[in-house]
N, C-alpha and C. Protein backbone atom coordinates (compact mmCIF):
# COMPACT_ATOMS: atom_id res chain seq x y z
N UNK A 1 59.11 -83.16 12.72
CA UNK A 1 57.71 -83.08 12.35
C UNK A 1 56.75 -82.39 12.89
N UNK A 2 55.83 -81.28 12.32
CA UNK A 2 55.23 -80.94 12.90
C UNK A 2 54.12 -81.12 12.45
N UNK A 3 52.64 -81.73 13.06
CA UNK A 3 51.60 -81.72 12.43
C UNK A 3 50.47 -80.93 13.00
N UNK A 4 50.03 -80.63 11.71
CA UNK A 4 49.10 -79.54 11.73
C UNK A 4 47.54 -79.23 12.46
N UNK A 5 47.09 -78.92 13.00
CA UNK A 5 45.33 -79.10 13.76
C UNK A 5 44.59 -80.11 12.89
N UNK A 6 44.28 -79.97 11.61
CA UNK A 6 43.59 -81.18 11.19
C UNK A 6 44.11 -82.83 10.92
N UNK A 7 45.32 -82.83 11.06
CA UNK A 7 46.27 -83.65 11.33
C UNK A 7 45.70 -84.42 12.68
N UNK A 8 46.22 -83.58 13.41
CA UNK A 8 46.09 -83.74 15.00
C UNK A 8 44.81 -84.46 15.42
N UNK A 9 43.56 -83.75 15.09
CA UNK A 9 42.08 -84.10 15.26
C UNK A 9 41.99 -85.43 14.39
N UNK A 10 42.73 -85.75 13.47
CA UNK A 10 42.38 -87.33 13.00
C UNK A 10 43.13 -88.57 13.43
N UNK A 11 44.61 -87.63 14.61
CA UNK A 11 45.14 -88.67 15.45
C UNK A 11 43.88 -89.12 16.11
N UNK A 12 43.49 -88.49 17.00
CA UNK A 12 43.03 -88.34 17.99
C UNK A 12 41.46 -89.37 17.75
N UNK A 13 41.24 -88.73 16.05
CA UNK A 13 39.94 -90.09 15.97
C UNK A 13 40.41 -91.15 16.18
N UNK A 14 41.79 -91.34 15.30
CA UNK A 14 41.99 -92.80 15.75
C UNK A 14 41.93 -93.11 17.12
N UNK A 15 42.29 -92.55 17.96
CA UNK A 15 42.40 -93.26 19.00
C UNK A 15 40.83 -93.18 19.90
N UNK A 16 40.15 -92.73 19.50
CA UNK A 16 38.77 -92.80 19.90
C UNK A 16 37.86 -93.93 18.82
N UNK A 17 38.58 -94.22 17.61
CA UNK A 17 37.95 -95.11 17.11
C UNK A 17 38.40 -96.80 17.37
N UNK A 18 40.00 -96.36 18.28
CA UNK A 18 40.01 -98.11 18.68
C UNK A 18 39.82 -98.19 19.81
N UNK A 19 39.25 -96.96 20.74
CA UNK A 19 38.57 -96.96 22.18
C UNK A 19 36.78 -97.49 20.98
N UNK A 20 35.90 -97.13 20.13
CA UNK A 20 35.00 -97.13 19.76
C UNK A 20 34.79 -99.01 19.51
N UNK A 21 35.71 -99.52 18.95
CA UNK A 21 35.79 -100.71 18.12
C UNK A 21 35.91 -101.73 19.14
N UNK A 22 37.19 -101.45 20.30
CA UNK A 22 36.70 -102.02 21.59
C UNK A 22 35.52 -102.42 22.40
N UNK A 23 35.09 -101.49 22.05
CA UNK A 23 33.87 -101.60 23.57
C UNK A 23 32.54 -102.58 22.37
N UNK A 24 32.41 -101.94 20.93
CA UNK A 24 31.86 -102.83 20.05
C UNK A 24 31.96 -104.32 20.62
N UNK A 25 33.35 -104.96 20.38
CA UNK A 25 33.41 -106.63 20.54
C UNK A 25 33.81 -106.76 22.21
N UNK A 26 33.86 -105.48 22.84
CA UNK A 26 33.55 -106.19 24.50
C UNK A 26 32.25 -106.26 24.72
N UNK A 27 31.24 -105.40 23.91
CA UNK A 27 30.24 -105.90 24.17
C UNK A 27 28.87 -106.62 23.49
N UNK A 28 30.10 -107.83 22.68
CA UNK A 28 29.25 -108.66 22.01
C UNK A 28 28.63 -108.10 20.86
N UNK A 29 28.50 -106.85 19.68
CA UNK A 29 27.86 -106.61 19.06
C UNK A 29 28.23 -107.35 17.95
N UNK A 30 29.71 -107.57 17.88
CA UNK A 30 30.62 -107.75 16.79
C UNK A 30 31.08 -109.10 16.71
N UNK A 31 31.38 -110.06 16.67
CA UNK A 31 32.65 -111.53 17.02
C UNK A 31 33.79 -111.37 16.58
N UNK A 32 34.51 -111.52 17.26
CA UNK A 32 35.83 -111.60 16.28
C UNK A 32 36.25 -112.68 15.47
N UNK A 33 36.75 -112.53 14.31
CA UNK A 33 36.70 -113.24 13.25
C UNK A 33 38.04 -113.38 12.64
N UNK A 34 39.22 -114.91 12.48
CA UNK A 34 40.56 -114.56 11.82
C UNK A 34 40.33 -114.03 10.78
N UNK A 35 39.45 -113.91 9.92
CA UNK A 35 39.05 -113.02 8.09
C UNK A 35 38.88 -111.81 8.28
N UNK A 36 37.88 -111.43 9.76
CA UNK A 36 38.68 -109.97 10.02
C UNK A 36 38.38 -109.49 11.05
N UNK A 37 39.69 -109.48 11.53
CA UNK A 37 39.70 -108.90 12.60
C UNK A 37 39.96 -107.55 12.92
N UNK A 38 39.66 -107.40 14.58
CA UNK A 38 39.33 -106.01 14.88
C UNK A 38 39.78 -104.94 14.56
N UNK A 39 41.52 -104.71 14.26
CA UNK A 39 41.53 -103.77 13.30
C UNK A 39 41.63 -102.96 12.30
N UNK A 40 41.16 -104.18 11.28
CA UNK A 40 40.95 -103.66 10.32
C UNK A 40 39.61 -102.30 10.08
N UNK A 41 38.68 -102.79 11.15
CA UNK A 41 37.64 -101.83 11.77
C UNK A 41 38.64 -100.51 11.73
N UNK A 42 39.59 -100.57 12.40
CA UNK A 42 39.69 -98.88 12.80
C UNK A 42 40.69 -98.83 11.77
N UNK A 43 40.84 -99.65 10.58
CA UNK A 43 41.55 -98.84 9.31
C UNK A 43 40.99 -98.54 8.52
N UNK A 44 39.76 -99.05 8.39
CA UNK A 44 38.84 -99.17 7.58
C UNK A 44 37.96 -97.51 7.78
N UNK A 45 37.55 -97.47 9.36
CA UNK A 45 37.34 -96.39 10.00
C UNK A 45 37.98 -94.88 9.47
N UNK A 46 39.14 -95.31 9.25
CA UNK A 46 40.33 -93.80 9.36
C UNK A 46 39.86 -93.65 7.49
N UNK A 47 40.31 -94.27 7.25
CA UNK A 47 40.08 -94.02 5.48
C UNK A 47 39.05 -93.85 5.31
N UNK A 48 37.51 -94.00 5.91
CA UNK A 48 36.34 -93.71 5.26
C UNK A 48 36.25 -92.14 5.83
N UNK A 49 36.42 -91.78 7.38
CA UNK A 49 36.19 -90.70 7.58
C UNK A 49 37.29 -89.58 6.87
N UNK A 50 38.76 -89.98 6.56
CA UNK A 50 39.15 -89.20 5.79
C UNK A 50 38.67 -88.74 4.55
N UNK A 51 38.01 -89.74 3.44
CA UNK A 51 37.24 -89.29 2.53
C UNK A 51 36.17 -88.41 2.53
N UNK A 52 35.64 -89.23 3.34
CA UNK A 52 34.43 -87.49 3.92
C UNK A 52 34.36 -86.77 4.45
N UNK A 53 35.80 -86.33 5.17
CA UNK A 53 36.12 -84.98 5.52
C UNK A 53 37.10 -84.69 4.22
N UNK A 54 37.17 -84.90 3.13
CA UNK A 54 38.12 -84.48 2.25
C UNK A 54 36.51 -83.67 1.00
N UNK A 55 35.70 -84.66 1.08
CA UNK A 55 34.67 -84.21 0.28
C UNK A 55 33.97 -83.08 0.30
N UNK A 56 33.59 -83.20 2.44
CA UNK A 56 33.32 -81.99 3.12
C UNK A 56 33.59 -80.19 2.60
N UNK A 57 35.22 -80.38 3.22
CA UNK A 57 36.33 -79.67 3.03
C UNK A 57 36.23 -79.11 1.16
N UNK A 58 36.23 -80.14 0.53
CA UNK A 58 36.31 -79.57 -1.28
C UNK A 58 37.49 -79.70 -0.87
N UNK A 59 38.38 -80.12 0.02
CA UNK A 59 39.48 -81.36 -0.88
C UNK A 59 39.81 -82.49 -1.81
N UNK A 60 40.88 -82.24 -2.59
CA UNK A 60 40.56 -83.96 -3.00
C UNK A 60 40.94 -85.40 -1.91
N UNK A 61 40.37 -86.04 -2.11
CA UNK A 61 40.65 -87.33 -0.55
C UNK A 61 42.44 -87.90 -1.03
N UNK A 62 42.57 -87.67 0.03
CA UNK A 62 44.33 -88.30 0.44
C UNK A 62 45.26 -86.95 0.43
N UNK A 63 44.41 -85.79 0.04
CA UNK A 63 45.10 -84.95 0.70
C UNK A 63 45.14 -83.99 1.70
N UNK A 64 44.49 -84.04 2.51
CA UNK A 64 43.57 -83.88 4.10
C UNK A 64 45.03 -83.95 4.60
N UNK A 65 45.54 -85.28 5.14
CA UNK A 65 46.37 -85.86 6.41
C UNK A 65 47.38 -86.83 5.18
N UNK A 66 48.34 -85.97 5.82
CA UNK A 66 49.76 -86.97 5.12
C UNK A 66 50.15 -88.35 6.10
N UNK A 67 50.57 -88.52 5.56
CA UNK A 67 51.47 -90.29 5.40
C UNK A 67 52.12 -90.60 7.20
N UNK A 68 52.62 -89.55 7.34
CA UNK A 68 53.25 -89.59 8.75
C UNK A 68 51.72 -89.63 9.83
N UNK A 69 50.85 -88.77 9.89
CA UNK A 69 49.75 -88.40 10.33
C UNK A 69 48.79 -90.25 10.99
N UNK A 70 48.66 -90.41 9.12
CA UNK A 70 47.81 -91.61 9.28
C UNK A 70 48.60 -93.20 9.63
N UNK A 71 49.81 -93.41 9.99
CA UNK A 71 50.62 -94.11 10.35
C UNK A 71 50.23 -93.64 11.93
N UNK A 72 50.47 -92.89 12.44
CA UNK A 72 50.54 -92.57 13.60
C UNK A 72 49.16 -92.76 14.28
N UNK A 73 47.51 -92.23 13.49
CA UNK A 73 46.66 -92.68 13.99
C UNK A 73 46.05 -93.87 13.68
N UNK A 74 46.45 -94.52 13.02
CA UNK A 74 46.57 -96.36 13.19
C UNK A 74 47.13 -96.40 13.78
N UNK A 75 48.29 -96.77 14.47
CA UNK A 75 49.22 -97.01 15.55
C UNK A 75 48.70 -97.04 16.58
N UNK A 76 48.29 -95.80 17.09
CA UNK A 76 47.59 -95.27 17.89
C UNK A 76 46.17 -95.87 18.42
N UNK A 77 45.18 -96.08 17.26
CA UNK A 77 44.56 -96.62 17.48
C UNK A 77 44.05 -97.92 17.56
N UNK A 78 44.92 -98.68 16.85
CA UNK A 78 45.25 -100.45 17.18
C UNK A 78 46.01 -100.27 18.68
N UNK A 79 46.75 -99.63 19.03
CA UNK A 79 46.72 -99.49 20.87
C UNK A 79 46.38 -99.27 21.41
N UNK A 80 45.27 -98.67 20.84
CA UNK A 80 44.39 -98.48 21.96
C UNK A 80 43.41 -99.37 22.29
N UNK A 81 42.78 -100.06 20.46
CA UNK A 81 42.07 -101.10 21.07
C UNK A 81 42.71 -102.75 21.28
N UNK A 82 43.87 -102.51 21.20
CA UNK A 82 44.78 -104.03 22.23
C UNK A 82 45.55 -103.81 23.23
N UNK A 83 44.80 -102.35 24.02
CA UNK A 83 45.57 -102.41 25.34
C UNK A 83 43.97 -103.03 25.82
N UNK A 84 42.75 -102.17 25.01
CA UNK A 84 41.32 -102.27 26.03
C UNK A 84 40.91 -103.74 25.68
N UNK A 85 41.32 -104.66 24.53
CA UNK A 85 41.11 -105.98 24.82
C UNK A 85 42.15 -106.95 24.91
N UNK A 86 43.11 -106.52 24.96
CA UNK A 86 44.07 -107.94 25.59
C UNK A 86 44.64 -107.99 25.03
N UNK A 87 44.49 -108.03 23.42
CA UNK A 87 45.50 -108.26 21.95
C UNK A 87 44.92 -107.88 21.86
N UNK A 88 45.93 -108.84 20.01
CA UNK A 88 44.48 -108.06 19.32
C UNK A 88 44.08 -109.39 18.65
N UNK A 89 44.33 -111.26 19.53
CA UNK A 89 43.45 -111.88 18.57
C UNK A 89 42.65 -112.13 18.65
């Protein structure tokens, strides 16, 4: 499967979001909790960014990025987060 340019940017944004969340937690700005684990921030950030990008580009939310690209962006973002934090816990 080949990804479009928008989907590749979305996957790269997922990795960047994982990096930012890890840095925020490492800096101590947010305390990790069991009720709201750090990878939820990656998931929410990806969802909100897709909604905003869809509205800015004039496409309906959900039609901008395909499901395989969404999953890959989430898994890469969580992978970067886990690598930098030493785990997900």
